């Protein structure tokens, strides 16, 4: 019983020290947090696209996946494509749950249903 009580006391002391250390940290820069929150989905999409063009693959996938999870259809298409082609094109397999993949697929299908067919080179022949 005494050993158990000593262990509990040690945990309480460690937790108190950790709390004191956390209190010494600077609070997050409120303007930086607000700037990130204010960034539009289109701006975040463009940032992820820039990451893709500059071969920052992991950052691009993370950006597209976050946007796709928030309901951004173009990002769902990019995230799904990167997930499927990860090993072959990027040398890495990207993580996505089955539920994420199904949501992204559903968004892609819905976007395709709303997109009217376009004239292409086949009609010019």
Protein backbone atom coordinates (compact mmCIF):
# COMPACT_ATOMS: atom_id res chain seq x y z
CA UNK A 1 0.00 0.00 0.00
CA UNK A 2 2.85 2.36 0.85
CA UNK A 3 4.55 1.69 -2.52
CA UNK A 4 1.29 2.37 -4.36
CA UNK A 5 0.87 5.66 -2.46
CA UNK A 6 4.45 6.65 -3.32
CA UNK A 7 3.79 5.95 -7.01
CA UNK A 8 0.66 8.11 -6.96
CA UNK A 9 2.57 10.94 -5.26
CA UNK A 10 5.33 10.70 -7.86
CA UNK A 11 2.75 10.96 -10.68
CA UNK A 12 1.12 13.97 -9.05
CA UNK A 13 4.48 15.70 -8.68
CA UNK A 14 5.37 14.98 -12.32
CA UNK A 15 2.00 16.30 -13.49
CA UNK A 16 2.42 19.46 -11.40
CA UNK A 17 5.90 20.06 -12.84
CA UNK A 18 4.61 19.53 -16.38
CA UNK A 19 1.78 22.00 -15.75
CA UNK A 20 4.21 24.60 -14.42
CA UNK A 21 6.43 24.16 -17.49
CA UNK A 22 3.46 24.53 -19.83
CA UNK A 23 2.46 27.74 -18.08
CA UNK A 24 5.89 29.19 -18.94
CA UNK A 25 5.38 28.73 -22.69
CA UNK A 26 4.29 31.67 -24.78
CA UNK A 27 0.65 31.55 -25.81
CA UNK A 28 0.02 30.94 -29.52
CA UNK A 29 0.20 34.04 -31.67
CA UNK A 30 -3.49 34.95 -32.01
CA UNK A 31 -3.03 36.79 -35.30
CA UNK A 32 -1.24 33.81 -36.87
CA UNK A 33 -4.02 31.47 -35.75
CA UNK A 34 -6.68 33.85 -37.10
CA UNK A 35 -4.82 34.17 -40.42
CA UNK A 36 -4.79 30.39 -40.84
CA UNK A 37 -8.46 30.13 -39.94
CA UNK A 38 -9.39 32.95 -42.31
CA UNK A 39 -7.64 31.33 -45.25
CA UNK A 40 -10.26 30.25 -47.78
CA UNK A 41 -10.53 26.66 -48.99
CA UNK A 42 -9.46 27.88 -52.44
CA UNK A 43 -6.31 29.46 -50.99
CA UNK A 44 -5.51 26.28 -49.07
CA UNK A 45 -6.16 24.26 -52.26
CA UNK A 46 -3.75 26.47 -54.19
CA UNK A 47 -1.18 26.02 -51.42
CA UNK A 48 -1.52 22.22 -51.64
CA UNK A 49 -1.28 22.44 -55.45
CA UNK A 50 1.93 24.47 -55.10
CA UNK A 51 3.28 21.80 -52.75
CA UNK A 52 2.47 19.20 -55.40
CA UNK A 53 4.18 21.20 -58.17
CA UNK A 54 7.27 21.73 -56.03
CA UNK A 55 7.45 18.04 -55.13
CA UNK A 56 6.56 18.44 -51.47
CA UNK A 57 4.39 15.35 -51.80
CA UNK A 58 3.56 14.70 -48.15
CA UNK A 59 2.55 18.30 -47.54
CA UNK A 60 0.42 18.32 -50.71
CA UNK A 61 -1.36 15.12 -49.72
CA UNK A 62 -1.98 16.38 -46.19
CA UNK A 63 -3.44 19.64 -47.51
CA UNK A 64 -5.70 17.92 -50.04
CA UNK A 65 -6.83 15.32 -47.50
CA UNK A 66 -7.74 17.96 -44.88
CA UNK A 67 -9.70 19.95 -47.44
CA UNK A 68 -11.40 16.81 -48.75
CA UNK A 69 -12.40 15.85 -45.22
CA UNK A 70 -13.94 19.32 -44.91
CA UNK A 71 -16.02 18.73 -48.07
CA UNK A 72 -13.91 20.44 -50.77
CA UNK A 73 -14.63 18.41 -53.91
CA UNK A 74 -11.55 19.27 -56.02
CA UNK A 75 -9.36 18.32 -53.07
CA UNK A 76 -11.19 15.02 -52.71
CA UNK A 77 -10.27 14.19 -56.28
CA UNK A 78 -6.61 15.08 -55.73
CA UNK A 79 -6.38 13.30 -52.37
CA UNK A 80 -7.96 10.15 -53.81
CA UNK A 81 -5.66 10.24 -56.83
CA UNK A 82 -2.57 10.70 -54.66
CA UNK A 83 -3.75 7.93 -52.34
CA UNK A 84 -4.23 5.51 -55.24
CA UNK A 85 -0.97 6.42 -57.00
CA UNK A 86 1.19 6.97 -53.92
CA UNK A 87 3.68 4.16 -54.25
CA UNK A 88 3.94 4.27 -58.05
CA UNK A 89 4.29 8.02 -58.54
CA UNK A 90 5.50 9.41 -55.23
CA UNK A 91 7.44 6.51 -53.77
CA UNK A 92 5.25 6.52 -50.69
CA UNK A 93 1.90 5.13 -49.65
CA UNK A 94 -0.48 7.70 -48.16
CA UNK A 95 -2.76 6.91 -45.28
CA UNK A 96 -6.55 7.19 -45.58
CA UNK A 97 -9.20 5.24 -43.74
CA UNK A 98 -11.76 3.25 -45.68
CA UNK A 99 -14.41 5.75 -44.53
CA UNK A 100 -12.35 8.67 -45.87
CA UNK A 101 -11.89 6.91 -49.20
CA UNK A 102 -15.62 6.25 -49.48
CA UNK A 103 -16.50 9.88 -48.64
CA UNK A 104 -13.98 11.18 -51.16
CA UNK A 105 -15.30 8.79 -53.82
CA UNK A 106 -18.87 9.91 -53.16
CA UNK A 107 -17.87 13.58 -53.50
CA UNK A 108 -16.07 12.85 -56.77
CA UNK A 109 -19.06 10.98 -58.20
CA UNK A 110 -21.46 13.76 -57.15
CA UNK A 111 -19.23 16.40 -58.76
CA UNK A 112 -19.11 14.37 -61.98
CA UNK A 113 -22.90 14.06 -62.02
CA UNK A 114 -23.24 17.84 -61.85
CA UNK A 115 -20.62 18.48 -64.53
CA UNK A 116 -22.07 18.74 -68.02
CA UNK A 117 -20.18 17.04 -70.82
CA UNK A 118 -17.76 19.31 -72.62
CA UNK A 119 -16.80 19.58 -76.26
CA UNK A 120 -13.48 17.99 -76.88
CA UNK A 121 -11.23 17.15 -79.79
CA UNK A 122 -13.34 14.10 -80.68
CA UNK A 123 -16.19 16.37 -81.78
CA UNK A 124 -13.87 18.40 -84.02
CA UNK A 125 -13.18 15.45 -86.34
